[in-house]
Every structure is written in structure tokens, then in C-alpha cells.
Amino acid sequence: PARETTGVGGSSLGGLVSLAASAERPETFGVVAALSPATWWDGRAVL
């Protein structure tokens, strides 16, 4: 269950929310896969 062995991922908007999970809760989700993330969403707010 440690963060280094707990990942989150998805594609498109699923990739976008996975990036958010790793950025907002890195103590829980230590690794992230964003496949074709919808980076364009809301003026590229993810940046």
C-alpha cells in the first residue's frame, strides 16, 4: 500500500484526473501514467 507501489493512470480526461491525483495526493499515489491526457482542458490549467 505504500505510495511507491501505488499508481494511478488513465487516458484523455482519465489521464488528466490521474495527473491531478498524483499532484494533489502524492502521499497516496506515488506514480502516474497519463496517456494522451486532455492537457487542453480549461486553458491548460494542469500546467
All heavy atoms as atom14 arrays in JSON, in Angstrom:
{
  "sequence": "PARETTGVGGSSLGGLVSLAASAERPETFGVVAALSPATWWDGRAVL",
  "atom14_mask": [
    [1, 1, 1, 1, 1, 1, 1, 0, 0, 0, 0, 0, 0, 0],
    [1, 1, 1, 1, 1, 0, 0, 0, 0, 0, 0, 0, 0, 0],
    [1, 1, 1, 1, 1, 1, 1, 1, 1, 1, 1, 0, 0, 0],
    [1, 1, 1, 1, 1, 1, 1, 1, 1, 0, 0, 0, 0, 0],
    [1, 1, 1, 1, 1, 1, 1, 0, 0, 0, 0, 0, 0, 0],
    [1, 1, 1, 1, 1, 1, 1, 0, 0, 0, 0, 0, 0, 0],
    [1, 1, 1, 1, 0, 0, 0, 0, 0, 0, 0, 0, 0, 0],
    [1, 1, 1, 1, 1, 1, 1, 0, 0, 0, 0, 0, 0, 0],
    [1, 1, 1, 1, 0, 0, 0, 0, 0, 0, 0, 0, 0, 0],
    [1, 1, 1, 1, 0, 0, 0, 0, 0, 0, 0, 0, 0, 0],
    [1, 1, 1, 1, 1, 1, 0, 0, 0, 0, 0, 0, 0, 0],
    [1, 1, 1, 1, 1, 1, 0, 0, 0, 0, 0, 0, 0, 0],
    [1, 1, 1, 1, 1, 1, 1, 1, 0, 0, 0, 0, 0, 0],
    [1, 1, 1, 1, 0, 0, 0, 0, 0, 0, 0, 0, 0, 0],
    [1, 1, 1, 1, 0, 0, 0, 0, 0, 0, 0, 0, 0, 0],
    [1, 1, 1, 1, 1, 1, 1, 1, 0, 0, 0, 0, 0, 0],
    [1, 1, 1, 1, 1, 1, 1, 0, 0, 0, 0, 0, 0, 0],
    [1, 1, 1, 1, 1, 1, 0, 0, 0, 0, 0, 0, 0, 0],
    [1, 1, 1, 1, 1, 1, 1, 1, 0, 0, 0, 0, 0, 0],
    [1, 1, 1, 1, 1, 0, 0, 0, 0, 0, 0, 0, 0, 0],
    [1, 1, 1, 1, 1, 0, 0, 0, 0, 0, 0, 0, 0, 0],
    [1, 1, 1, 1, 1, 1, 0, 0, 0, 0, 0, 0, 0, 0],
    [1, 1, 1, 1, 1, 0, 0, 0, 0, 0, 0, 0, 0, 0],
    [1, 1, 1, 1, 1, 1, 1, 1, 1, 0, 0, 0, 0, 0],
    [1, 1, 1, 1, 1, 1, 1, 1, 1, 1, 1, 0, 0, 0],
    [1, 1, 1, 1, 1, 1, 1, 0, 0, 0, 0, 0, 0, 0],
    [1, 1, 1, 1, 1, 1, 1, 1, 1, 0, 0, 0, 0, 0],
    [1, 1, 1, 1, 1, 1, 1, 0, 0, 0, 0, 0, 0, 0],
    [1, 1, 1, 1, 1, 1, 1, 1, 1, 1, 1, 0, 0, 0],
    [1, 1, 1, 1, 0, 0, 0, 0, 0, 0, 0, 0, 0, 0],
    [1, 1, 1, 1, 1, 1, 1, 0, 0, 0, 0, 0, 0, 0],
    [1, 1, 1, 1, 1, 1, 1, 0, 0, 0, 0, 0, 0, 0],
    [1, 1, 1, 1, 1, 0, 0, 0, 0, 0, 0, 0, 0, 0],
    [1, 1, 1, 1, 1, 0, 0, 0, 0, 0, 0, 0, 0, 0],
    [1, 1, 1, 1, 1, 1, 1, 1, 0, 0, 0, 0, 0, 0],
    [1, 1, 1, 1, 1, 1, 0, 0, 0, 0, 0, 0, 0, 0],
    [1, 1, 1, 1, 1, 1, 1, 0, 0, 0, 0, 0, 0, 0],
    [1, 1, 1, 1, 1, 0, 0, 0, 0, 0, 0, 0, 0, 0],
    [1, 1, 1, 1, 1, 1, 1, 0, 0, 0, 0, 0, 0, 0],
    [1, 1, 1, 1, 1, 1, 1, 1, 1, 1, 1, 1, 1, 1],
    [1, 1, 1, 1, 1, 1, 1, 1, 1, 1, 1, 1, 1, 1],
    [1, 1, 1, 1, 1, 1, 1, 1, 0, 0, 0, 0, 0, 0],
    [1, 1, 1, 1, 0, 0, 0, 0, 0, 0, 0, 0, 0, 0],
    [1, 1, 1, 1, 1, 1, 1, 1, 1, 1, 1, 0, 0, 0],
    [1, 1, 1, 1, 1, 0, 0, 0, 0, 0, 0, 0, 0, 0],
    [1, 1, 1, 1, 1, 1, 1, 0, 0, 0, 0, 0, 0, 0],
    [1, 1, 1, 1, 1, 1, 1, 1, 0, 0, 0, 0, 0, 0]
  ],
  "atom14_positions": [
    [[0.77, -1.24, 0.0], [0.0, 0.0, 0.0], [0.8, 1.29, 0.0], [0.21, 2.36, -0.1], [-0.82, -0.11, 1.29], [0.05, -0.92, 2.2], [0.77, -1.9, 1.32], [0.0, 0.0, 0.0], [0.0, 0.0, 0.0], [0.0, 0.0, 0.0], [0.0, 0.0, 0.0], [0.0, 0.0, 0.0], [0.0, 0.0, 0.0], [0.0, 0.0, 0.0]],
    [[2.13, 1.23, 0.09], [2.93, 2.45, 0.15], [2.83, 3.23, -1.15], [2.49, 2.68, -2.21], [4.38, 2.11, 0.45], [0.0, 0.0, 0.0], [0.0, 0.0, 0.0], [0.0, 0.0, 0.0], [0.0, 0.0, 0.0], [0.0, 0.0, 0.0], [0.0, 0.0, 0.0], [0.0, 0.0, 0.0], [0.0, 0.0, 0.0], [0.0, 0.0, 0.0]],
    [[3.16, 4.5, -1.1], [2.97, 5.34, -2.28], [3.86, 4.93, -3.44], [3.48, 5.07, -4.6], [3.18, 6.82, -1.94], [4.63, 7.27, -1.74], [4.64, 8.72, -1.29], [5.98, 9.31, -1.33], [6.36, 10.29, -2.14], [5.5, 10.8, -3.0], [7.57, 10.78, -2.11], [0.0, 0.0, 0.0], [0.0, 0.0, 0.0], [0.0, 0.0, 0.0]],
    [[5.04, 4.41, -3.16], [5.93, 4.0, -4.25], [5.41, 2.77, -4.98], [5.87, 2.46, -6.08], [7.35, 3.75, -3.74], [7.47, 2.68, -2.69], [7.4, 3.21, -1.28], [6.85, 4.33, -1.08], [7.9, 2.51, -0.37], [0.0, 0.0, 0.0], [0.0, 0.0, 0.0], [0.0, 0.0, 0.0], [0.0, 0.0, 0.0], [0.0, 0.0, 0.0]],
    [[4.48, 2.04, -4.37], [3.89, 0.87, -5.02], [2.4, 1.08, -5.28], [1.65, 0.11, -5.44], [4.1, -0.39, -4.16], [3.74, -0.11, -2.8], [5.55, -0.83, -4.22], [0.0, 0.0, 0.0], [0.0, 0.0, 0.0], [0.0, 0.0, 0.0], [0.0, 0.0, 0.0], [0.0, 0.0, 0.0], [0.0, 0.0, 0.0], [0.0, 0.0, 0.0]],
    [[1.97, 2.34, -5.34], [0.57, 2.66, -5.64], [0.55, 3.67, -6.78], [1.06, 4.79, -6.64], [-0.16, 3.24, -4.43], [-0.08, 2.31, -3.34], [-1.63, 3.5, -4.75], [0.0, 0.0, 0.0], [0.0, 0.0, 0.0], [0.0, 0.0, 0.0], [0.0, 0.0, 0.0], [0.0, 0.0, 0.0], [0.0, 0.0, 0.0], [0.0, 0.0, 0.0]],
    [[-0.04, 3.28, -7.91], [-0.08, 4.15, -9.07], [-1.5, 4.49, -9.48], [-2.48, 3.85, -9.06], [0.0, 0.0, 0.0], [0.0, 0.0, 0.0], [0.0, 0.0, 0.0], [0.0, 0.0, 0.0], [0.0, 0.0, 0.0], [0.0, 0.0, 0.0], [0.0, 0.0, 0.0], [0.0, 0.0, 0.0], [0.0, 0.0, 0.0], [0.0, 0.0, 0.0]],
    [[-1.61, 5.51, -10.32], [-2.89, 5.96, -10.84], [-2.69, 6.32, -12.3], [-1.64, 6.84, -12.68], [-3.43, 7.15, -10.01], [-2.49, 8.34, -10.06], [-4.83, 7.55, -10.42], [0.0, 0.0, 0.0], [0.0, 0.0, 0.0], [0.0, 0.0, 0.0], [0.0, 0.0, 0.0], [0.0, 0.0, 0.0], [0.0, 0.0, 0.0], [0.0, 0.0, 0.0]],
    [[-3.69, 6.0, -13.14], [-3.5, 6.27, -14.56], [-4.8, 6.28, -15.32], [-5.85, 5.88, -14.83], [0.0, 0.0, 0.0], [0.0, 0.0, 0.0], [0.0, 0.0, 0.0], [0.0, 0.0, 0.0], [0.0, 0.0, 0.0], [0.0, 0.0, 0.0], [0.0, 0.0, 0.0], [0.0, 0.0, 0.0], [0.0, 0.0, 0.0], [0.0, 0.0, 0.0]],
    [[-4.69, 6.74, -16.56], [-5.84, 6.78, -17.44], [-5.5, 7.49, -18.72], [-4.37, 7.95, -18.93], [0.0, 0.0, 0.0], [0.0, 0.0, 0.0], [0.0, 0.0, 0.0], [0.0, 0.0, 0.0], [0.0, 0.0, 0.0], [0.0, 0.0, 0.0], [0.0, 0.0, 0.0], [0.0, 0.0, 0.0], [0.0, 0.0, 0.0], [0.0, 0.0, 0.0]],
    [[-6.5, 7.6, -19.6], [-6.3, 8.25, -20.89], [-7.28, 9.4, -21.05], [-8.35, 9.41, -20.44], [-6.52, 7.24, -22.03], [-7.86, 6.78, -22.02], [0.0, 0.0, 0.0], [0.0, 0.0, 0.0], [0.0, 0.0, 0.0], [0.0, 0.0, 0.0], [0.0, 0.0, 0.0], [0.0, 0.0, 0.0], [0.0, 0.0, 0.0], [0.0, 0.0, 0.0]],
    [[-6.88, 10.37, -21.87], [-7.71, 11.53, -22.16], [-8.07, 12.25, -20.86], [-7.18, 12.58, -20.08], [-8.94, 11.09, -22.95], [-9.59, 12.21, -23.51], [0.0, 0.0, 0.0], [0.0, 0.0, 0.0], [0.0, 0.0, 0.0], [0.0, 0.0, 0.0], [0.0, 0.0, 0.0], [0.0, 0.0, 0.0], [0.0, 0.0, 0.0], [0.0, 0.0, 0.0]],
    [[-9.35, 12.46, -20.57], [-9.71, 13.08, -19.29], [-9.31, 12.18, -18.11], [-9.01, 12.67, -17.02], [-11.21, 13.37, -19.24], [-11.71, 14.54, -20.08], [-13.23, 14.64, -20.0], [-11.08, 15.86, -19.65], [0.0, 0.0, 0.0], [0.0, 0.0, 0.0], [0.0, 0.0, 0.0], [0.0, 0.0, 0.0], [0.0, 0.0, 0.0], [0.0, 0.0, 0.0]],
    [[-9.29, 10.87, -18.34], [-8.81, 9.96, -17.3], [-7.35, 10.17, -17.0], [-6.9, 10.01, -15.85], [0.0, 0.0, 0.0], [0.0, 0.0, 0.0], [0.0, 0.0, 0.0], [0.0, 0.0, 0.0], [0.0, 0.0, 0.0], [0.0, 0.0, 0.0], [0.0, 0.0, 0.0], [0.0, 0.0, 0.0], [0.0, 0.0, 0.0], [0.0, 0.0, 0.0]],
    [[-6.56, 10.52, -18.02], [-5.16, 10.88, -17.79], [-5.03, 12.19, -17.05], [-4.16, 12.37, -16.2], [0.0, 0.0, 0.0], [0.0, 0.0, 0.0], [0.0, 0.0, 0.0], [0.0, 0.0, 0.0], [0.0, 0.0, 0.0], [0.0, 0.0, 0.0], [0.0, 0.0, 0.0], [0.0, 0.0, 0.0], [0.0, 0.0, 0.0], [0.0, 0.0, 0.0]],
    [[-5.93, 13.13, -17.38], [-5.91, 14.43, -16.73], [-6.18, 14.3, -15.23], [-5.46, 14.87, -14.4], [-6.94, 15.35, -17.38], [-6.92, 16.81, -16.93], [-5.65, 17.5, -17.41], [-8.15, 17.55, -17.47], [0.0, 0.0, 0.0], [0.0, 0.0, 0.0], [0.0, 0.0, 0.0], [0.0, 0.0, 0.0], [0.0, 0.0, 0.0], [0.0, 0.0, 0.0]],
    [[-7.21, 13.54, -14.86], [-7.53, 13.41, -13.43], [-6.48, 12.57, -12.72], [-6.24, 12.75, -11.51], [-8.95, 12.83, -13.24], [-9.0, 11.32, -13.47], [-9.48, 13.18, -11.86], [0.0, 0.0, 0.0], [0.0, 0.0, 0.0], [0.0, 0.0, 0.0], [0.0, 0.0, 0.0], [0.0, 0.0, 0.0], [0.0, 0.0, 0.0], [0.0, 0.0, 0.0]],
    [[-5.81, 11.67, -13.43], [-4.73, 10.9, -12.81], [-3.55, 11.8, -12.49], [-2.92, 11.66, -11.43], [-4.31, 9.76, -13.73], [-5.38, 8.86, -13.93], [0.0, 0.0, 0.0], [0.0, 0.0, 0.0], [0.0, 0.0, 0.0], [0.0, 0.0, 0.0], [0.0, 0.0, 0.0], [0.0, 0.0, 0.0], [0.0, 0.0, 0.0], [0.0, 0.0, 0.0]],
    [[-3.21, 12.72, -13.4], [-2.18, 13.7, -13.09], [-2.56, 14.53, -11.86], [-1.72, 14.81, -10.99], [-1.95, 14.63, -14.28], [-1.17, 14.04, -15.45], [-1.28, 14.95, -16.68], [0.29, 13.84, -15.08], [0.0, 0.0, 0.0], [0.0, 0.0, 0.0], [0.0, 0.0, 0.0], [0.0, 0.0, 0.0], [0.0, 0.0, 0.0], [0.0, 0.0, 0.0]],
    [[-3.84, 14.9, -11.78], [-4.31, 15.67, -10.62], [-4.17, 14.85, -9.34], [-3.78, 15.38, -8.29], [-5.76, 16.09, -10.83], [0.0, 0.0, 0.0], [0.0, 0.0, 0.0], [0.0, 0.0, 0.0], [0.0, 0.0, 0.0], [0.0, 0.0, 0.0], [0.0, 0.0, 0.0], [0.0, 0.0, 0.0], [0.0, 0.0, 0.0], [0.0, 0.0, 0.0]],
    [[-4.48, 13.55, -9.41], [-4.36, 12.69, -8.24], [-2.92, 12.64, -7.74], [-2.66, 12.74, -6.53], [-4.86, 11.29, -8.56], [0.0, 0.0, 0.0], [0.0, 0.0, 0.0], [0.0, 0.0, 0.0], [0.0, 0.0, 0.0], [0.0, 0.0, 0.0], [0.0, 0.0, 0.0], [0.0, 0.0, 0.0], [0.0, 0.0, 0.0], [0.0, 0.0, 0.0]],
    [[-1.98, 12.5, -8.65], [-0.58, 12.41, -8.23], [-0.03, 13.75, -7.77], [0.87, 13.81, -6.93], [0.28, 11.87, -9.39], [0.32, 12.79, -10.47], [0.0, 0.0, 0.0], [0.0, 0.0, 0.0], [0.0, 0.0, 0.0], [0.0, 0.0, 0.0], [0.0, 0.0, 0.0], [0.0, 0.0, 0.0], [0.0, 0.0, 0.0], [0.0, 0.0, 0.0]],
    [[-0.57, 14.85, -8.3], [-0.11, 16.18, -7.9], [-0.74, 16.62, -6.58], [-0.08, 17.22, -5.73], [-0.43, 17.2, -8.99], [0.0, 0.0, 0.0], [0.0, 0.0, 0.0], [0.0, 0.0, 0.0], [0.0, 0.0, 0.0], [0.0, 0.0, 0.0], [0.0, 0.0, 0.0], [0.0, 0.0, 0.0], [0.0, 0.0, 0.0], [0.0, 0.0, 0.0]],
    [[-2.03, 16.31, -6.4], [-2.74, 16.75, -5.2], [-2.6, 15.77, -4.04], [-2.7, 16.18, -2.88], [-4.22, 16.95, -5.53], [-4.5, 18.0, -6.58], [-4.04, 19.38, -6.15], [-4.24, 19.72, -4.96], [-3.48, 20.11, -6.99], [0.0, 0.0, 0.0], [0.0, 0.0, 0.0], [0.0, 0.0, 0.0], [0.0, 0.0, 0.0], [0.0, 0.0, 0.0]],
    [[-2.38, 14.51, -4.33], [-2.27, 13.48, -3.28], [-1.06, 12.58, -3.53], [-1.19, 11.36, -3.62], [-3.56, 12.67, -3.21], [-4.78, 13.51, -2.78], [-6.03, 12.68, -2.7], [-7.17, 13.46, -2.25], [-7.6, 13.54, -0.98], [-6.95, 12.88, -0.04], [-8.65, 14.27, -0.66], [0.0, 0.0, 0.0], [0.0, 0.0, 0.0], [0.0, 0.0, 0.0]],
    [[0.13, 13.17, -3.62], [1.31, 12.35, -3.9], [1.7, 11.45, -2.74], [2.45, 10.49, -2.94], [2.4, 13.4, -4.18], [1.95, 14.61, -3.4], [0.46, 14.61, -3.5], [0.0, 0.0, 0.0], [0.0, 0.0, 0.0], [0.0, 0.0, 0.0], [0.0, 0.0, 0.0], [0.0, 0.0, 0.0], [0.0, 0.0, 0.0], [0.0, 0.0, 0.0]],
    [[1.19, 11.73, -1.55], [1.45, 10.85, -0.42], [0.72, 9.52, -0.57], [1.06, 8.53, 0.09], [1.05, 11.52, 0.9], [-0.45, 11.66, 1.14], [-1.12, 12.76, 0.32], [-0.41, 13.51, -0.37], [-2.36, 12.87, 0.39], [0.0, 0.0, 0.0], [0.0, 0.0, 0.0], [0.0, 0.0, 0.0], [0.0, 0.0, 0.0], [0.0, 0.0, 0.0]],
    [[-0.29, 9.48, -1.43], [-1.08, 8.27, -1.67], [-0.71, 7.62, -2.99], [-0.46, 6.41, -3.06], [-2.58, 8.59, -1.66], [-2.93, 9.17, -0.41], [-3.41, 7.35, -1.91], [0.0, 0.0, 0.0], [0.0, 0.0, 0.0], [0.0, 0.0, 0.0], [0.0, 0.0, 0.0], [0.0, 0.0, 0.0], [0.0, 0.0, 0.0], [0.0, 0.0, 0.0]],
    [[-0.67, 8.41, -4.07], [-0.39, 7.9, -5.41], [0.99, 8.38, -5.83], [1.18, 9.52, -6.25], [-1.46, 8.38, -6.39], [-2.85, 7.98, -6.0], [-3.74, 8.9, -5.46], [-3.28, 6.66, -6.14], [-5.02, 8.53, -5.09], [-4.56, 6.28, -5.77], [-5.43, 7.21, -5.24], [0.0, 0.0, 0.0], [0.0, 0.0, 0.0], [0.0, 0.0, 0.0]],
    [[1.97, 7.47, -5.73], [3.36, 7.87, -5.96], [3.79, 7.86, -7.4], [4.76, 8.51, -7.76], [0.0, 0.0, 0.0], [0.0, 0.0, 0.0], [0.0, 0.0, 0.0], [0.0, 0.0, 0.0], [0.0, 0.0, 0.0], [0.0, 0.0, 0.0], [0.0, 0.0, 0.0], [0.0, 0.0, 0.0], [0.0, 0.0, 0.0], [0.0, 0.0, 0.0]],
    [[3.07, 7.1, -8.25], [3.45, 7.03, -9.67], [2.2, 7.25, -10.51], [1.08, 6.93, -10.09], [4.14, 5.69, -10.02], [5.39, 5.5, -9.18], [3.2, 4.5, -9.83], [0.0, 0.0, 0.0], [0.0, 0.0, 0.0], [0.0, 0.0, 0.0], [0.0, 0.0, 0.0], [0.0, 0.0, 0.0], [0.0, 0.0, 0.0], [0.0, 0.0, 0.0]],
    [[2.39, 7.8, -11.72], [1.24, 8.18, -12.54], [1.51, 7.93, -14.01], [2.62, 8.14, -14.49], [0.87, 9.66, -12.31], [2.04, 10.59, -12.61], [-0.36, 10.06, -13.11], [0.0, 0.0, 0.0], [0.0, 0.0, 0.0], [0.0, 0.0, 0.0], [0.0, 0.0, 0.0], [0.0, 0.0, 0.0], [0.0, 0.0, 0.0], [0.0, 0.0, 0.0]],
    [[0.47, 7.46, -14.7], [0.52, 7.29, -16.15], [-0.6, 8.11, -16.77], [-1.78, 7.89, -16.48], [0.35, 5.81, -16.53], [0.0, 0.0, 0.0], [0.0, 0.0, 0.0], [0.0, 0.0, 0.0], [0.0, 0.0, 0.0], [0.0, 0.0, 0.0], [0.0, 0.0, 0.0], [0.0, 0.0, 0.0], [0.0, 0.0, 0.0], [0.0, 0.0, 0.0]],
    [[-0.24, 9.06, -17.61], [-1.22, 9.89, -18.32], [-1.05, 9.65, -19.81], [-0.12, 10.17, -20.43], [-1.03, 11.36, -17.98], [0.0, 0.0, 0.0], [0.0, 0.0, 0.0], [0.0, 0.0, 0.0], [0.0, 0.0, 0.0], [0.0, 0.0, 0.0], [0.0, 0.0, 0.0], [0.0, 0.0, 0.0], [0.0, 0.0, 0.0], [0.0, 0.0, 0.0]],
    [[-1.93, 8.84, -20.37], [-1.88, 8.5, -21.8], [-2.78, 9.47, -22.56], [-3.98, 9.56, -22.26], [-2.3, 7.05, -22.02], [-1.36, 5.96, -21.48], [-1.55, 5.74, -19.98], [-1.6, 4.64, -22.22], [0.0, 0.0, 0.0], [0.0, 0.0, 0.0], [0.0, 0.0, 0.0], [0.0, 0.0, 0.0], [0.0, 0.0, 0.0], [0.0, 0.0, 0.0]],
    [[-2.21, 10.19, -23.49], [-2.95, 11.19, -24.26], [-3.81, 12.08, -23.36], [-5.01, 12.22, -23.56], [-3.85, 10.52, -25.31], [-3.12, 9.73, -26.2], [0.0, 0.0, 0.0], [0.0, 0.0, 0.0], [0.0, 0.0, 0.0], [0.0, 0.0, 0.0], [0.0, 0.0, 0.0], [0.0, 0.0, 0.0], [0.0, 0.0, 0.0], [0.0, 0.0, 0.0]],
    [[-3.21, 12.68, -22.33], [-4.02, 13.46, -21.4], [-4.65, 14.67, -22.09], [-4.08, 15.23, -23.03], [-3.02, 13.9, -20.33], [-1.69, 13.91, -21.05], [-1.77, 12.75, -22.01], [0.0, 0.0, 0.0], [0.0, 0.0, 0.0], [0.0, 0.0, 0.0], [0.0, 0.0, 0.0], [0.0, 0.0, 0.0], [0.0, 0.0, 0.0], [0.0, 0.0, 0.0]],
    [[-5.82, 15.07, -21.59], [-6.53, 16.23, -22.15], [-5.94, 17.51, -21.56], [-6.6, 18.26, -20.83], [-8.02, 16.12, -21.84], [0.0, 0.0, 0.0], [0.0, 0.0, 0.0], [0.0, 0.0, 0.0], [0.0, 0.0, 0.0], [0.0, 0.0, 0.0], [0.0, 0.0, 0.0], [0.0, 0.0, 0.0], [0.0, 0.0, 0.0], [0.0, 0.0, 0.0]],
    [[-4.7, 17.75, -21.9], [-3.96, 18.89, -21.35], [-4.62, 20.22, -21.72], [-4.49, 21.21, -20.99], [-2.5, 18.85, -21.85], [-1.94, 17.57, -21.56], [-1.65, 19.92, -21.19], [0.0, 0.0, 0.0], [0.0, 0.0, 0.0], [0.0, 0.0, 0.0], [0.0, 0.0, 0.0], [0.0, 0.0, 0.0], [0.0, 0.0, 0.0], [0.0, 0.0, 0.0]],
    [[-5.36, 20.24, -22.79], [-6.0, 21.46, -23.28], [-7.1, 21.96, -22.35], [-7.49, 23.13, -22.43], [-6.62, 21.2, -24.66], [-7.59, 20.05, -24.66], [-7.31, 18.74, -24.93], [-8.98, 20.09, -24.33], [-8.44, 17.96, -24.81], [-9.49, 18.78, -24.44], [-9.86, 21.12, -23.96], [-10.82, 18.46, -24.18], [-11.19, 20.8, -23.71], [-11.66, 19.49, -23.81]],
    [[-7.6, 21.13, -21.47], [-8.77, 21.46, -20.66], [-8.58, 22.76, -19.87], [-7.56, 22.97, -19.24], [-9.08, 20.32, -19.68], [-10.31, 20.56, -18.84], [-10.36, 21.15, -17.61], [-11.65, 20.23, -19.19], [-11.65, 21.21, -17.16], [-12.47, 20.65, -18.1], [-12.25, 19.62, -20.28], [-13.85, 20.48, -18.11], [-13.61, 19.45, -20.29], [-14.4, 19.87, -19.21]],
    [[-9.56, 23.64, -19.93], [-9.61, 24.89, -19.18], [-8.32, 25.7, -19.34], [-7.68, 26.1, -18.36], [-9.88, 24.61, -17.7], [-10.17, 25.89, -16.91], [-10.58, 26.9, -17.52], [-9.96, 25.88, -15.68], [0.0, 0.0, 0.0], [0.0, 0.0, 0.0], [0.0, 0.0, 0.0], [0.0, 0.0, 0.0], [0.0, 0.0, 0.0], [0.0, 0.0, 0.0]],
    [[-7.95, 25.93, -20.6], [-6.76, 26.76, -20.85], [-5.48, 26.17, -20.32], [-4.61, 26.9, -19.84], [0.0, 0.0, 0.0], [0.0, 0.0, 0.0], [0.0, 0.0, 0.0], [0.0, 0.0, 0.0], [0.0, 0.0, 0.0], [0.0, 0.0, 0.0], [0.0, 0.0, 0.0], [0.0, 0.0, 0.0], [0.0, 0.0, 0.0], [0.0, 0.0, 0.0]],
    [[-5.37, 24.82, -20.38], [-4.18, 24.1, -19.92], [-3.92, 24.34, -18.43], [-2.78, 24.53, -17.98], [-2.95, 24.48, -20.75], [-3.12, 24.22, -22.24], [-1.89, 24.5, -23.03], [-1.48, 25.91, -22.97], [-0.63, 26.49, -23.79], [-0.1, 25.79, -24.79], [-0.3, 27.76, -23.66], [0.0, 0.0, 0.0], [0.0, 0.0, 0.0], [0.0, 0.0, 0.0]],
    [[-4.99, 24.28, -17.64], [-4.88, 24.51, -16.2], [-3.95, 23.51, -15.53], [-3.34, 23.82, -14.5], [-6.26, 24.45, -15.56], [0.0, 0.0, 0.0], [0.0, 0.0, 0.0], [0.0, 0.0, 0.0], [0.0, 0.0, 0.0], [0.0, 0.0, 0.0], [0.0, 0.0, 0.0], [0.0, 0.0, 0.0], [0.0, 0.0, 0.0], [0.0, 0.0, 0.0]],
    [[-3.81, 22.32, -16.1], [-2.95, 21.31, -15.49], [-1.5, 21.77, -15.43], [-0.75, 21.35, -14.54], [-3.07, 19.97, -16.25], [-2.51, 20.07, -17.66], [-2.39, 18.85, -15.49], [0.0, 0.0, 0.0], [0.0, 0.0, 0.0], [0.0, 0.0, 0.0], [0.0, 0.0, 0.0], [0.0, 0.0, 0.0], [0.0, 0.0, 0.0], [0.0, 0.0, 0.0]],
    [[-1.09, 22.64, -16.34], [0.3, 23.11, -16.29], [0.57, 23.87, -14.99], [1.65, 23.74, -14.39], [0.59, 24.02, -17.49], [0.45, 23.36, -18.88], [0.78, 24.36, -19.97], [1.32, 22.11, -18.99], [0.0, 0.0, 0.0], [0.0, 0.0, 0.0], [0.0, 0.0, 0.0], [0.0, 0.0, 0.0], [0.0, 0.0, 0.0], [0.0, 0.0, 0.0]]
  ]
}
